[in-house]
Amino acid sequence: MRRPRSLPTSRPLWRNPTAITTMLAVIATVVLVIVLNSHAAAPTNPSALNPPANPVADSIPRQGTILGSASAPVKVDAWEDFQCPGCQLWTLQWEPHVIQDFVATGVVRYQFHDYSFLGTGHSPDESLEAAVAAQCANDQAKFWPYHDWLYANQNPNGENQGWFTQAKLDAIALKVGLDQATFDTCLVDPAKAAAVRAEQAAGTAIGITGTPTIFVNNKLQKLNTYADLSAMIRSLAGPAASPGGSAVP
């Protein structure tokens, strides 16, 4: 009787070209799925909004784009662009402390100014359109809530990428309780865009070239720390300023 032949010894998988090719294909597929899912996770719905973390309190006196008392001894002017990441940082981390420490206590009169330059040359000009939307909210006495929602929902991936669409601007209008028909009519009013451009031109005339630009009693400030800004305001206010204050991380 013939002895059966031994079965050939199989190669280890790592020496098998077919197995290696298959494994690489599986890995490539997994990587592709991960990449596609990561892109799909990015916010794409213009109506998906984040609420402001530190909205201006309703108790703060206001008139249009101005917060605080007209008789406050110190005036702070903030020139900003709603697409500007530095302006978002100012609005989320510095502005609430200025309002809490100084506006609420009658020390500072605080005013927002449009310097909407980042969208210039782009279509649509999102800086201009966001500024117009905020001014339309101002017509309905809702500038500050609208301002807060705009900065809470700034595009995390940068400027001029089609983020501040009319759908998003309308969604914010709904959140802050605007009359939608009046708001939408205002958005296309050429006088609003002209007013925003005129304020930018006024800023350029006093030497502004970027945002945020902060003036304290008409003097341009270099923003190093909140402690420095706070100390300057207290010095200008004299006895009107209380010794306390909040810290900015």
Protein backbone atom coordinates (compact mmCIF):
# COMPACT_ATOMS: atom_id res chain seq x y z
CA MET A 1 0.00 0.00 0.00
CA ARG A 2 1.30 3.37 -0.98
CA ARG A 3 1.70 5.78 1.84
CA PRO A 4 -0.29 8.95 1.41
CA ARG A 5 1.72 11.98 0.61
CA SER A 6 1.97 14.63 3.24
CA LEU A 7 -0.08 17.77 2.65
CA PRO A 8 2.09 20.76 1.70
CA THR A 9 2.91 23.01 4.61
CA SER A 10 0.90 26.26 4.30
CA ARG A 11 2.72 29.58 4.30
CA PRO A 12 2.31 31.93 7.23
CA LEU A 13 -0.16 34.70 6.40
CA TRP A 14 2.52 37.33 6.49
CA ARG A 15 4.33 35.50 3.64
CA ASN A 16 1.17 35.02 1.56
CA PRO A 17 0.87 37.73 -1.12
CA THR A 18 -2.87 37.20 -1.55
CA ALA A 19 -3.51 37.49 2.17
CA ILE A 20 -1.36 40.60 2.44
CA THR A 21 -3.23 42.24 -0.44
CA THR A 22 -6.57 41.38 1.14
CA MET A 23 -5.51 42.72 4.53
CA LEU A 24 -4.28 45.98 3.00
CA ALA A 25 -7.56 46.39 1.15
CA VAL A 26 -9.51 45.88 4.38
CA ILE A 27 -7.35 48.41 6.22
CA ALA A 28 -7.77 50.94 3.41
CA THR A 29 -11.54 50.47 3.51
CA VAL A 30 -11.65 50.98 7.28
CA VAL A 31 -9.53 54.15 6.99
CA LEU A 32 -11.79 55.48 4.22
CA VAL A 33 -14.91 54.85 6.32
CA ILE A 34 -13.34 56.66 9.29
CA VAL A 35 -12.39 59.65 7.13
CA LEU A 36 -15.81 59.87 5.54
CA ASN A 37 -17.52 59.61 8.93
CA SER A 38 -15.30 62.32 10.35
CA HIS A 39 -16.29 64.66 7.52
CA ALA A 40 -19.94 63.74 7.93
CA ALA A 41 -19.69 64.65 11.64
CA ALA A 42 -18.84 68.27 10.81
CA PRO A 43 -21.84 70.57 11.28
CA THR A 44 -23.52 71.16 7.92
CA ASN A 45 -27.05 72.11 8.95
CA PRO A 46 -27.29 75.92 8.99
CA SER A 47 -30.21 75.68 11.42
CA ALA A 48 -28.19 73.74 14.03
CA LEU A 49 -27.24 76.43 16.52
CA ASN A 50 -25.25 76.63 19.74
CA PRO A 51 -26.72 78.87 22.46
CA PRO A 52 -24.48 81.68 23.73
CA ALA A 53 -22.50 80.72 26.84
CA ASN A 54 -22.42 84.25 28.31
CA PRO A 55 -25.23 86.33 26.80
CA VAL A 56 -25.55 89.97 27.79
CA ALA A 57 -27.91 90.04 30.75
CA ASP A 58 -31.31 91.63 30.19
CA SER A 59 -30.68 93.81 33.25
CA ILE A 60 -27.88 95.72 31.48
CA PRO A 61 -29.19 99.07 30.20
CA ARG A 62 -28.83 99.44 26.45
CA GLN A 63 -29.58 101.67 23.53
CA GLY A 64 -28.95 100.07 20.15
CA THR A 65 -25.34 98.93 19.99
CA ILE A 66 -24.46 100.70 23.26
CA LEU A 67 -24.46 99.15 26.73
CA GLY A 68 -24.38 101.07 29.99
CA SER A 69 -24.98 104.56 31.26
CA ALA A 70 -24.40 107.64 29.12
CA SER A 71 -22.83 109.27 32.19
CA ALA A 72 -20.24 106.50 32.72
CA PRO A 73 -16.75 107.99 33.20
CA VAL A 74 -15.06 105.52 30.85
CA LYS A 75 -15.97 104.76 27.24
CA VAL A 76 -14.95 101.48 25.60
CA ASP A 77 -15.39 101.08 21.83
CA ALA A 78 -15.05 97.64 20.23
CA TRP A 79 -14.60 97.43 16.44
CA GLU A 80 -15.37 93.90 15.25
CA ASP A 81 -16.16 91.55 12.37
CA PHE A 82 -18.62 88.71 13.03
CA GLN A 83 -16.36 86.29 11.10
CA CYS A 84 -13.23 87.25 13.06
CA PRO A 85 -11.93 84.49 15.41
CA GLY A 86 -10.16 87.07 17.57
CA CYS A 87 -13.45 88.93 17.92
CA GLN A 88 -15.11 85.71 19.03
CA LEU A 89 -12.39 85.29 21.67
CA TRP A 90 -12.94 88.88 22.84
CA THR A 91 -16.72 88.37 22.93
CA LEU A 92 -16.64 85.06 24.77
CA GLN A 93 -13.77 85.64 27.20
CA TRP A 94 -13.18 89.38 27.70
CA GLU A 95 -16.42 91.21 26.97
CA PRO A 96 -18.51 89.42 29.65
CA HIS A 97 -16.03 90.54 32.31
CA VAL A 98 -15.99 94.14 31.07
CA ILE A 99 -19.79 94.10 31.24
CA GLN A 100 -19.93 92.43 34.65
CA ASP A 101 -17.16 94.46 36.29
CA PHE A 102 -17.68 97.87 34.72
CA VAL A 103 -20.80 98.26 32.58
CA ALA A 104 -23.15 96.82 35.19
CA THR A 105 -21.59 99.06 37.86
CA GLY A 106 -21.95 102.27 35.87
CA VAL A 107 -18.22 102.70 35.19
CA VAL A 108 -18.13 101.92 31.46
CA ARG A 109 -20.25 102.87 28.49
CA TYR A 110 -19.56 100.09 25.96
CA GLN A 111 -20.24 100.35 22.22
CA PHE A 112 -19.98 97.83 19.38
CA HIS A 113 -18.91 99.06 15.93
CA ASP A 114 -18.98 97.19 12.63
CA TYR A 115 -15.65 96.74 10.91
CA SER A 116 -16.80 94.07 8.48
CA PHE A 117 -13.80 93.58 6.23
CA LEU A 118 -13.03 89.85 6.13
CA GLY A 119 -15.65 89.07 3.49
CA THR A 120 -14.58 91.85 1.13
CA GLY A 121 -14.08 90.48 -2.38
CA HIS A 122 -15.99 87.28 -1.65
CA SER A 123 -19.43 86.33 -2.85
CA PRO A 124 -21.38 86.20 -0.66
CA ASP A 125 -19.71 88.69 1.67
CA GLU A 126 -20.52 86.91 4.92
CA SER A 127 -19.02 89.62 7.12
CA LEU A 128 -21.30 92.22 5.55
CA GLU A 129 -24.36 89.98 5.58
CA ALA A 130 -23.91 89.02 9.25
CA ALA A 131 -23.43 92.69 10.16
CA VAL A 132 -26.56 93.68 8.23
CA ALA A 133 -28.49 90.93 10.00
CA ALA A 134 -27.35 92.23 13.40
CA GLN A 135 -28.39 95.76 12.43
CA CYS A 136 -31.77 94.45 11.31
CA ALA A 137 -32.09 92.83 14.73
CA ASN A 138 -31.18 96.22 16.18
CA ASP A 139 -34.23 97.68 14.43
CA GLN A 140 -36.30 95.32 16.59
CA ALA A 141 -34.33 96.15 19.77
CA LYS A 142 -32.53 92.78 19.68
CA PHE A 143 -29.01 93.70 18.63
CA TRP A 144 -27.25 92.23 21.66
CA PRO A 145 -29.01 88.84 21.68
CA TYR A 146 -28.38 88.56 17.92
CA HIS A 147 -24.72 89.58 18.42
CA ASP A 148 -24.33 86.86 21.07
CA TRP A 149 -25.87 84.16 18.87
CA LEU A 150 -23.71 85.12 15.88
CA TYR A 151 -20.48 84.75 17.85
CA ALA A 152 -21.68 81.52 19.47
CA ASN A 153 -22.19 80.11 15.97
CA GLN A 154 -19.15 81.38 14.10
CA ASN A 155 -17.68 78.91 11.59
CA PRO A 156 -15.02 76.87 13.45
CA ASN A 157 -13.28 76.13 10.15
CA GLY A 158 -12.57 79.73 9.14
CA GLU A 159 -13.97 82.62 7.18
CA ASN A 160 -15.73 82.88 3.82
CA GLN A 161 -16.92 79.29 3.49
CA GLY A 162 -20.63 79.91 3.04
CA TRP A 163 -21.43 79.59 6.74
CA PHE A 164 -23.55 82.66 7.48
CA THR A 165 -26.27 81.73 5.00
CA GLN A 166 -29.70 83.33 5.05
CA ALA A 167 -31.00 80.08 6.52
CA LYS A 168 -28.63 80.45 9.48
CA LEU A 169 -29.34 84.16 9.87
CA ASP A 170 -33.08 83.40 9.80
CA ALA A 171 -32.62 80.62 12.36
CA ILE A 172 -30.87 83.05 14.71
CA ALA A 173 -33.63 85.60 14.14
CA LEU A 174 -36.14 82.95 15.21
CA LYS A 175 -34.09 82.17 18.34
CA VAL A 176 -34.03 85.79 19.49
CA GLY A 177 -37.70 86.38 18.76
CA LEU A 178 -37.62 88.66 15.73
CA ASP A 179 -40.53 89.22 13.38
CA GLN A 180 -39.33 87.08 10.49
CA ALA A 181 -41.01 88.95 7.63
CA THR A 182 -39.73 92.31 8.85
CA PHE A 183 -36.26 90.87 9.35
CA ASP A 184 -36.10 89.32 5.86
CA THR A 185 -37.25 92.57 4.25
CA CYS A 186 -34.55 94.42 6.15
CA LEU A 187 -31.83 92.01 5.02
CA VAL A 188 -32.20 93.09 1.40
CA ASP A 189 -32.49 96.81 2.14
CA PRO A 190 -29.46 98.41 0.43
CA ALA A 191 -29.45 101.20 3.03
CA LYS A 192 -28.44 98.68 5.71
CA ALA A 193 -25.43 97.45 3.76
CA ALA A 194 -24.48 101.06 3.00
CA ALA A 195 -24.61 101.91 6.72
CA VAL A 196 -22.34 98.98 7.61
CA ARG A 197 -19.85 100.00 4.92
CA ALA A 198 -19.98 103.61 6.12
CA GLU A 199 -19.09 102.56 9.66
CA GLN A 200 -16.18 100.51 8.34
CA ALA A 201 -14.97 103.54 6.39
CA ALA A 202 -15.19 105.62 9.57
CA GLY A 203 -13.06 103.02 11.33
CA THR A 204 -10.49 103.07 8.56
CA ALA A 205 -10.37 106.86 8.83
CA ILE A 206 -9.24 106.61 12.46
CA GLY A 207 -6.57 104.06 11.68
CA ILE A 208 -8.28 100.70 12.13
CA THR A 209 -6.86 97.94 9.94
CA GLY A 210 -8.02 94.77 11.69
CA THR A 211 -10.24 93.31 14.39
CA PRO A 212 -10.85 93.28 17.25
CA THR A 213 -9.70 96.86 17.82
CA ILE A 214 -10.47 98.25 21.26
CA PHE A 215 -10.39 101.89 22.29
CA VAL A 216 -10.65 103.09 25.89
CA ASN A 217 -11.56 106.77 26.11
CA ASN A 218 -10.61 107.11 22.43
CA LYS A 219 -7.13 105.63 22.99
CA LEU A 220 -6.17 102.47 21.09
CA GLN A 221 -5.38 99.56 23.42
CA LYS A 222 -2.97 96.67 23.05
CA LEU A 223 -4.74 93.64 24.51
CA ASN A 224 -2.28 91.72 26.67
CA THR A 225 -4.24 90.55 29.70
CA TYR A 226 -7.61 91.36 31.16
CA ALA A 227 -5.86 92.44 34.34
CA ASP A 228 -4.05 95.17 32.37
CA LEU A 229 -7.27 96.34 30.72
CA SER A 230 -9.09 96.29 34.03
CA ALA A 231 -6.35 98.30 35.75
CA MET A 232 -6.49 100.93 32.99
CA ILE A 233 -10.25 101.27 33.28
CA ARG A 234 -10.03 101.60 37.07
CA SER A 235 -7.31 104.22 36.76
CA LEU A 236 -9.41 106.28 34.35
CA ALA A 237 -12.56 105.89 36.42
CA GLY A 238 -10.92 106.89 39.69
CA PRO A 239 -13.16 106.58 42.76
CA ALA A 240 -16.08 105.46 40.57
CA ALA A 241 -14.46 102.06 40.05
CA SER A 242 -14.86 99.40 42.72
CA PRO A 243 -11.75 97.45 43.79
CA GLY A 244 -13.17 94.05 42.90
CA GLY A 245 -13.23 92.31 39.55
CA SER A 246 -13.40 89.00 37.79
CA ALA A 247 -10.54 87.03 36.30
CA VAL A 248 -10.23 85.95 32.68
CA PRO A 249 -8.56 82.56 32.23
